[in-house]
C-alpha atoms as a PDB file:
ATOM      1  CA  MET A   1      -3.051   4.973  -4.650  1.00  0.00           C
ATOM      2  CA  THR A   2      -2.125   1.379  -3.632  1.00  0.00           C
ATOM      3  CA  LYS A   3       1.265   0.862  -4.423  1.00  0.00           C
ATOM      4  CA  PRO A   4       1.873  -1.603  -7.323  1.00  0.00           C
ATOM      5  CA  ILE A   5       3.117  -4.900  -6.963  1.00  0.00           C
ATOM      6  CA  LEU A   6       6.853  -5.722  -8.215  1.00  0.00           C
ATOM      7  CA  VAL A   7       6.390  -9.141  -9.975  1.00  0.00           C
ATOM      8  CA  THR A   8       9.609 -10.958 -11.609  1.00  0.00           C
ATOM      9  CA  ILE A   9       9.125 -13.567 -15.148  1.00  0.00           C
ATOM     10  CA  GLU A  10      10.675 -16.755 -15.227  1.00  0.00           C
ATOM     11  CA  HIS A  11      10.038 -17.824 -18.741  1.00  0.00           C
ATOM     12  CA  THR A  12      10.645 -21.831 -20.213  1.00  0.00           C
ATOM     13  CA  PRO A  13       8.311 -22.945 -23.347  1.00  0.00           C
ATOM     14  CA  ALA A  14       7.123 -25.538 -21.340  1.00  0.00           C
ATOM     15  CA  LYS A  15       5.977 -23.180 -17.504  1.00  0.00           C
ATOM     16  CA  THR A  16       6.394 -19.821 -16.602  1.00  0.00           C
ATOM     17  CA  PHE A  17       7.326 -18.498 -12.786  1.00  0.00           C
ATOM     18  CA  ALA A  18       5.646 -15.365 -11.440  1.00  0.00           C
ATOM     19  CA  SER A  19       7.088 -13.988  -8.449  1.00  0.00           C
ATOM     20  CA  ALA A  20       6.105 -10.924  -6.116  1.00  0.00           C
ATOM     21  CA  ALA A  21       9.207  -9.230  -5.427  1.00  0.00           C
ATOM     22  CA  ASP A  22       8.708  -8.354  -1.825  1.00  0.00           C
ATOM     23  CA  TRP A  23       5.891 -11.168  -0.845  1.00  0.00           C
ATOM     24  CA  PRO A  24       8.374 -14.690  -0.468  1.00  0.00           C
ATOM     25  CA  GLY A  25       6.534 -17.542  -1.381  1.00  0.00           C
ATOM     26  CA  TRP A  26       3.682 -15.998  -3.482  1.00  0.00           C
ATOM     27  CA  SER A  27       5.065 -17.653  -6.791  1.00  0.00           C
ATOM     28  CA  ARG A  28       2.392 -19.298  -9.030  1.00  0.00           C
ATOM     29  CA  SER A  29       3.038 -21.082 -12.685  1.00  0.00           C
ATOM     30  CA  GLY A  30       1.113 -21.074 -15.503  1.00  0.00           C
ATOM     31  CA  LYS A  31       1.941 -22.333 -19.457  1.00  0.00           C
ATOM     32  CA  THR A  32       2.166 -18.865 -20.251  1.00  0.00           C
ATOM     33  CA  GLU A  33       3.007 -15.241 -18.417  1.00  0.00           C
ATOM     34  CA  ASP A  34      -0.371 -14.217 -19.196  1.00  0.00           C
ATOM     35  CA  LEU A  35      -1.682 -17.586 -17.259  1.00  0.00           C
ATOM     36  CA  ALA A  36       0.915 -17.423 -14.446  1.00  0.00           C
ATOM     37  CA  LEU A  37       0.101 -13.828 -13.024  1.00  0.00           C
ATOM     38  CA  GLU A  38      -4.099 -14.714 -13.562  1.00  0.00           C
ATOM     39  CA  THR A  39      -2.533 -17.861 -11.190  1.00  0.00           C
ATOM     40  CA  LEU A  40      -0.423 -15.695  -9.046  1.00  0.00           C
ATOM     41  CA  ALA A  41      -3.655 -13.668  -8.691  1.00  0.00           C
ATOM     42  CA  ALA A  42      -6.050 -16.304  -7.617  1.00  0.00           C
ATOM     43  CA  TYR A  43      -3.950 -17.715  -5.449  1.00  0.00           C
ATOM     44  CA  ALA A  44      -3.854 -14.068  -3.563  1.00  0.00           C
ATOM     45  CA  PRO A  45      -6.330 -14.732  -1.097  1.00  0.00           C
ATOM     46  CA  ARG A  46      -4.629 -17.655  -0.157  1.00  0.00           C
ATOM     47  CA  TYR A  47      -1.354 -16.213   0.696  1.00  0.00           C
ATOM     48  CA  ALA A  48      -3.325 -13.414   2.340  1.00  0.00           C
ATOM     49  CA  VAL A  49      -3.388 -16.044   5.464  1.00  0.00           C
ATOM     50  CA  ILE A  50       0.506 -16.156   5.409  1.00  0.00           C
ATOM     51  CA  ALA A  51       0.695 -11.956   5.326  1.00  0.00           C
ATOM     52  CA  GLY A  52      -2.178 -11.496   8.187  1.00  0.00           C
ATOM     53  CA  ALA A  53      -0.710 -13.965  10.621  1.00  0.00           C
ATOM     54  CA  GLU A  54       2.449 -11.259  10.530  1.00  0.00           C
ATOM     55  CA  HIS A  55      -0.022  -8.422  10.611  1.00  0.00           C
ATOM     56  CA  ARG A  56       0.972  -7.593   7.222  1.00  0.00           C
ATOM     57  CA  ARG A  57      -1.257  -5.367   5.398  1.00  0.00           C
ATOM     58  CA  PHE A  58      -1.585  -6.995   1.777  1.00  0.00           C
ATOM     59  CA  GLN A  59      -3.849  -6.615  -1.041  1.00  0.00           C
ATOM     60  CA  ALA A  60      -5.825  -9.813  -1.247  1.00  0.00           C
ATOM     61  CA  HIS A  61      -7.661  -9.488  -4.216  1.00  0.00           C
ATOM     62  CA  PRO A  62      -5.607  -7.908  -7.089  1.00  0.00           C
ATOM     63  CA  GLY A  63      -6.545  -7.087 -10.608  1.00  0.00           C
ATOM     64  CA  PRO A  64      -4.319  -7.092 -13.622  1.00  0.00           C
ATOM     65  CA  GLU A  65      -3.446  -3.542 -13.307  1.00  0.00           C
ATOM     66  CA  ASP A  66      -1.903  -3.654  -9.805  1.00  0.00           C
ATOM     67  CA  PHE A  67       0.773  -5.863 -11.171  1.00  0.00           C
ATOM     68  CA  GLU A  68       3.973  -4.160 -12.438  1.00  0.00           C
ATOM     69  CA  ILE A  69       6.649  -6.632 -13.708  1.00  0.00           C
ATOM     70  CA  VAL A  70       9.156  -5.768 -13.330  1.00  0.00           C
ATOM     71  CA  GLU A  71      11.814  -7.800 -14.767  1.00  0.00           C
ATOM     72  CA  ARG A  72      11.987 -11.016 -17.328  1.00  0.00           C
ATOM     73  CA  ASN A  73      14.615 -13.525 -17.066  1.00  0.00           C
ATOM     74  CA  GLU A  74      14.992 -17.329 -19.006  1.00  0.00           C
ATOM     75  CA  GLY A  75      14.354 -20.205 -16.664  1.00  0.00           C
ATOM     76  CA  SER A  76      15.706 -23.206 -17.055  1.00  0.00           C
ATOM     77  CA  ALA A  77      14.796 -27.345 -16.935  1.00  0.00           C
ATOM     78  CA  GLY A  78      14.494 -26.678 -13.133  1.00  0.00           C
ATOM     79  CA  THR A  79      11.718 -24.066 -13.893  1.00  0.00           C
ATOM     80  CA  ALA A  80       9.927 -26.063 -16.534  1.00  0.00           C
ATOM     81  CA  TYR A  81      10.057 -28.867 -14.353  1.00  0.00           C
ATOM     82  CA  GLY A  82       8.310 -26.763 -11.824  1.00  0.00           C
ATOM     83  CA  VAL A  83      10.281 -24.482  -9.410  1.00  0.00           C
ATOM     84  CA  PRO A  84      11.412 -20.808  -9.412  1.00  0.00           C
ATOM     85  CA  SER A  85      15.025 -21.607  -9.761  1.00  0.00           C
ATOM     86  CA  HIS A  86      16.774 -18.205 -10.676  1.00  0.00           C
ATOM     87  CA  PRO A  87      17.647 -15.280  -8.178  1.00  0.00           C
ATOM     88  CA  THR A  88      16.756 -11.899  -9.837  1.00  0.00           C
ATOM     89  CA  SER A  89      18.468  -8.521  -9.670  1.00  0.00           C
ATOM     90  CA  LEU A  90      15.906  -7.357  -7.059  1.00  0.00           C
ATOM     91  CA  ASP A  91      16.738 -10.294  -4.622  1.00  0.00           C
ATOM     92  CA  ALA A  92      20.170  -8.821  -4.614  1.00  0.00           C
ATOM     93  CA  ARG A  93      18.630  -5.669  -3.122  1.00  0.00           C
ATOM     94  CA  PRO A  94      20.202  -5.237   0.590  1.00  0.00           C
ATOM     95  CA  THR A  95      17.877  -5.298   3.394  1.00  0.00           C
ATOM     96  CA  ASP A  96      17.717  -3.634   6.678  1.00  0.00           C
ATOM     97  CA  VAL A  97      16.942  -5.159   9.924  1.00  0.00           C
ATOM     98  CA  ALA A  98      13.570  -4.283   9.622  1.00  0.00           C
ATOM     99  CA  GLU A  99      13.029  -5.808   6.092  1.00  0.00           C
ATOM    100  CA  ALA A 100      14.767  -8.895   6.855  1.00  0.00           C
ATOM    101  CA  ASP A 101      12.269  -9.368   9.968  1.00  0.00           C
ATOM    102  CA  ARG A 102       9.967  -9.265   7.489  1.00  0.00           C
ATOM    103  CA  LEU A 103      10.781 -11.415   5.074  1.00  0.00           C
ATOM    104  CA  ALA A 104      11.804 -14.178   8.224  1.00  0.00           C
ATOM    105  CA  GLY A 105       8.877 -13.847   9.873  1.00  0.00           C
ATOM    106  CA  LEU A 106       6.584 -14.093   6.327  1.00  0.00           C
ATOM    107  CA  VAL A 107       9.021 -17.342   5.765  1.00  0.00           C
ATOM    108  CA  GLY A 108       8.095 -18.569   9.862  1.00  0.00           C
ATOM    109  CA  ALA A 109       4.316 -18.359   8.918  1.00  0.00           C
ATOM    110  CA  ALA A 110       4.765 -20.518   6.246  1.00  0.00           C
ATOM    111  CA  TRP A 111       6.745 -23.129   7.605  1.00  0.00           C
ATOM    112  CA  THR A 112       4.000 -22.638  10.582  1.00  0.00           C
ATOM    113  CA  PHE A 113       0.826 -22.913   7.810  1.00  0.00           C
ATOM    114  CA  PHE A 114       2.681 -26.058   6.011  1.00  0.00           C
ATOM    115  CA  ASP A 115       2.541 -27.498   9.537  1.00  0.00           C
ATOM    116  CA  ARG A 116      -0.965 -26.974  10.638  1.00  0.00           C
ATOM    117  CA  THR A 117      -2.052 -28.048   6.924  1.00  0.00           C
ATOM    118  CA  ALA A 118      -0.098 -31.167   7.132  1.00  0.00           C
ATOM    119  CA  ALA A 119      -1.251 -32.381  10.596  1.00  0.00           C
ATOM    120  CA  ALA A 120      -4.924 -32.005   9.610  1.00  0.00           C
ATOM    121  CA  ALA A 121      -4.515 -33.498   6.658  1.00  0.00           C
ATOM    122  CA  PRO A 122      -5.340 -37.523   6.268  1.00  0.00           C
ATOM    123  CA  GLU A 123      -2.939 -39.587   5.361  1.00  0.00           C
ATOM    124  CA  GLU A 124      -4.679 -40.830   2.111  1.00  0.00           C
ATOM    125  CA  LEU A 125      -4.777 -38.015  -0.269  1.00  0.00           C
ATOM    126  CA  ARG A 126      -6.779 -37.454  -3.365  1.00  0.00           C
ATOM    127  CA  LYS A 127      -5.145 -38.345  -6.687  1.00  0.00           C
ATOM    128  CA  GLY A 128      -5.468 -36.324  -9.955  1.00  0.00           C
ATOM    129  CA  PRO A 129      -3.653 -33.487 -11.728  1.00  0.00           C
ATOM    130  CA  ARG A 130      -2.375 -31.860  -8.902  1.00  0.00           C
ATOM    131  CA  GLY A 131      -1.230 -35.080  -6.708  1.00  0.00           C
ATOM    132  CA  GLY A 132       0.873 -37.319  -8.220  1.00  0.00           C
ATOM    133  CA  GLY A 133       1.347 -40.357  -5.549  1.00  0.00           C
ATOM    134  CA  ARG A 134       2.601 -38.726  -2.425  1.00  0.00           C
ATOM    135  CA  ASN A 135       0.391 -39.132   0.483  1.00  0.00           C
ATOM    136  CA  THR A 136       0.804 -36.569   3.455  1.00  0.00           C
ATOM    137  CA  SER A 137       3.559 -38.414   4.845  1.00  0.00           C
ATOM    138  CA  LYS A 138       5.527 -38.340   1.892  1.00  0.00           C
ATOM    139  CA  VAL A 139       4.863 -34.958   1.013  1.00  0.00           C
ATOM    140  CA  ILE A 140       6.184 -34.055   4.883  1.00  0.00           C
ATOM    141  CA  GLY A 141       9.460 -36.208   4.483  1.00  0.00           C
ATOM    142  CA  HIS A 142      10.298 -34.325   0.864  1.00  0.00           C
ATOM    143  CA  VAL A 143       9.445 -30.712   2.393  1.00  0.00           C
ATOM    144  CA  MET A 144      11.850 -31.309   5.669  1.00  0.00           C
ATOM    145  CA  GLU A 145      14.668 -33.207   3.032  1.00  0.00           C
ATOM    146  CA  SER A 146      14.156 -29.519   0.724  1.00  0.00           C
ATOM    147  CA  ASP A 147      14.550 -27.359   3.635  1.00  0.00           C
ATOM    148  CA  ARG A 148      17.533 -29.619   5.379  1.00  0.00           C
ATOM    149  CA  ALA A 149      19.206 -28.349   1.118  1.00  0.00           C
ATOM    150  CA  TYR A 150      17.700 -24.893   1.441  1.00  0.00           C
ATOM    151  CA  ALA A 151      20.083 -25.211   4.623  1.00  0.00           C
ATOM    152  CA  ALA A 152      23.090 -25.679   3.175  1.00  0.00           C
ATOM    153  CA  GLN A 153      22.622 -23.151   0.478  1.00  0.00           C
ATOM    154  CA  MET A 154      22.512 -20.979   3.382  1.00  0.00           C
ATOM    155  CA  GLY A 155      25.864 -22.356   4.749  1.00  0.00           C
ATOM    156  CA  ILE A 156      24.496 -24.055   7.139  1.00  0.00           C
ATOM    157  CA  LYS A 157      24.679 -28.110   7.764  1.00  0.00           C
ATOM    158  CA  ILE A 158      22.128 -29.729   9.140  1.00  0.00           C
ATOM    159  CA  GLY A 159      22.547 -33.869   9.669  1.00  0.00           C
ATOM    160  CA  GLU A 160      20.008 -36.280   8.776  1.00  0.00           C
ATOM    161  CA  PHE A 161      16.779 -36.338  10.678  1.00  0.00           C
ATOM    162  CA  ALA A 162      13.518 -37.987  10.531  1.00  0.00           C
ATOM    163  CA  PRO A 163      10.765 -35.860   9.509  1.00  0.00           C
ATOM    164  CA  ASP A 164       9.021 -36.396  12.696  1.00  0.00           C
ATOM    165  CA  ASP A 165      11.892 -35.342  14.933  1.00  0.00           C
ATOM    166  CA  ARG A 166      10.211 -31.615  16.029  1.00  0.00           C
ATOM    167  CA  PRO A 167      13.415 -30.680  18.212  1.00  0.00           C
ATOM    168  CA  ALA A 168      15.613 -30.947  15.154  1.00  0.00           C
ATOM    169  CA  ILE A 169      13.518 -29.465  12.840  1.00  0.00           C
ATOM    170  CA  ALA A 170      12.973 -26.221  15.252  1.00  0.00           C
ATOM    171  CA  ALA A 171      16.574 -26.513  15.447  1.00  0.00           C
ATOM    172  CA  MET A 172      16.970 -26.163  11.640  1.00  0.00           C
ATOM    173  CA  ARG A 173      14.721 -23.955  11.285  1.00  0.00           C
ATOM    174  CA  GLU A 174      15.657 -21.516  13.667  1.00  0.00           C
ATOM    175  CA  ALA A 175      19.487 -21.222  12.303  1.00  0.00           C
ATOM    176  CA  MET A 176      17.749 -20.593   9.114  1.00  0.00           C
ATOM    177  CA  LEU A 177      15.445 -17.723  10.534  1.00  0.00           C
ATOM    178  CA  GLU A 178      18.776 -16.162  12.162  1.00  0.00           C
ATOM    179  CA  ILE A 179      20.459 -15.806   8.888  1.00  0.00           C
ATOM    180  CA  LEU A 180      17.746 -14.313   7.070  1.00  0.00           C
ATOM    181  CA  ARG A 181      16.604 -11.776  10.252  1.00  0.00           C
ATOM    182  CA  ALA A 182      20.250  -9.892   9.357  1.00  0.00           C
ATOM    183  CA  ALA A 183      20.657  -7.017   7.422  1.00  0.00           C
ATOM    184  CA  ARG A 184      22.389  -8.082   4.142  1.00  0.00           C
ATOM    185  CA  ASP A 185      24.151  -6.522   1.425  1.00  0.00           C
ATOM    186  CA  GLY A 186      22.381  -8.433  -1.271  1.00  0.00           C
ATOM    187  CA  LYS A 187      25.458 -10.495  -2.007  1.00  0.00           C
ATOM    188  CA  PRO A 188      24.604 -14.676  -2.044  1.00  0.00           C
ATOM    189  CA  LEU A 189      24.870 -16.193   1.273  1.00  0.00           C
ATOM    190  CA  ALA A 190      28.156 -17.953   2.466  1.00  0.00           C
ATOM    191  CA  GLY A 191      29.832 -17.232  -1.261  1.00  0.00           C
ATOM    192  CA  ARG A 192      27.544 -19.591  -2.654  1.00  0.00           C
ATOM    193  CA  ARG A 193      24.411 -18.474  -5.082  1.00  0.00           C
ATOM    194  CA  TRP A 194      21.011 -17.992  -3.204  1.00  0.00           C
ATOM    195  CA  PRO A 195      20.844 -14.122  -1.585  1.00  0.00           C
ATOM    196  CA  SER A 196      18.574 -13.579   1.390  1.00  0.00           C
ATOM    197  CA  ARG A 197      15.544 -12.633  -0.288  1.00  0.00           C
ATOM    198  CA  TYR A 198      15.541 -15.524  -2.459  1.00  0.00           C
ATOM    199  CA  ALA A 199      16.710 -17.666  -0.215  1.00  0.00           C
ATOM    200  CA  ALA A 200      13.393 -16.654   1.892  1.00  0.00           C
ATOM    201  CA  HIS A 201      11.145 -16.667  -1.100  1.00  0.00           C
ATOM    202  CA  ARG A 202      12.328 -20.195  -1.914  1.00  0.00           C
ATOM    203  CA  ILE A 203      11.813 -21.548   1.361  1.00  0.00           C
ATOM    204  CA  ALA A 204       8.248 -20.043   1.461  1.00  0.00           C
ATOM    205  CA  TRP A 205       7.701 -20.889  -1.746  1.00  0.00           C
ATOM    206  CA  HIS A 206       8.046 -23.925  -1.485  1.00  0.00           C
ATOM    207  CA  ALA A 207       6.218 -24.792   2.139  1.00  0.00           C
ATOM    208  CA  LEU A 208       2.969 -22.993   0.564  1.00  0.00           C
ATOM    209  CA  ASP A 209       3.308 -24.806  -2.577  1.00  0.00           C
ATOM    210  CA  HIS A 210       2.833 -28.569  -0.668  1.00  0.00           C
ATOM    211  CA  ALA A 211       0.674 -26.832   1.747  1.00  0.00           C
ATOM    212  CA  TRP A 212      -1.871 -25.309  -1.111  1.00  0.00           C
ATOM    213  CA  GLU A 213      -0.957 -29.115  -2.686  1.00  0.00           C
ATOM    214  CA  ILE A 214      -2.561 -30.900   0.653  1.00  0.00           C
ATOM    215  CA  GLU A 215      -5.390 -28.565   1.047  1.00  0.00           C
ATOM    216  CA  ASP A 216      -6.285 -28.985  -2.530  1.00  0.00           C
ATOM    217  CA  ARG A 217      -6.179 -32.782  -2.418  1.00  0.00           C
ATOM    218  CA  THR A 218      -7.450 -33.776   0.698  1.00  0.00           C
ATOM    219  CA  GLU A 219     -10.995 -35.253   0.586  1.00  0.00           C
ATOM    220  CA  GLN A 220     -13.780 -33.239   1.622  1.00  0.00           C
ATOM    221  CA  ARG A 221     -16.512 -34.858   3.806  1.00  0.00           C
ATOM    222  CA  ALA A 222     -19.697 -33.861   4.648  1.00  0.00           C
END
């Protein structure tokens, strides 16, 4: 029998997130819990690319019966804005070295996927419901600056750098991955708010959300 996919729910009246507790970055939103779960399932084939890059066995076509909701939490203004903002009790689970390495590998795969997607995209992105106004270079800059803020949440101080400064980006990411690769007891990193599992989830989610945005907003040409 296939193991159930453990899912947590973060709810507000405006937006609800469904997040796969053991798969960093696989988190989607909808107006209601049912719609969030439907979208989570719809994105499984896209997330399978990330799992496959790490040679992880992954169920790419789950049905509703494959999800097991294990926790529901009230969200906040951040949730309503569009960010899975709150660590869950499952994020407080300890990680041994093997599990920490798995989580860090998936974060690294999410970054690699973002980089490749952004590099292949045109500067001008299609406007529309998925898009807003940012073009590719602005999305890249936003993701890099967000990662710098995420590093700070992990206790890593990173100075400002240009969005195309590959050595600086590589150094920042390696410092973040070094922390994620270590076995942890589930307590927040650096005495702050994010346990290691949540840090992995938030970082991977943000990279993938914007990579998929770029894919969805890229004009298709014959």
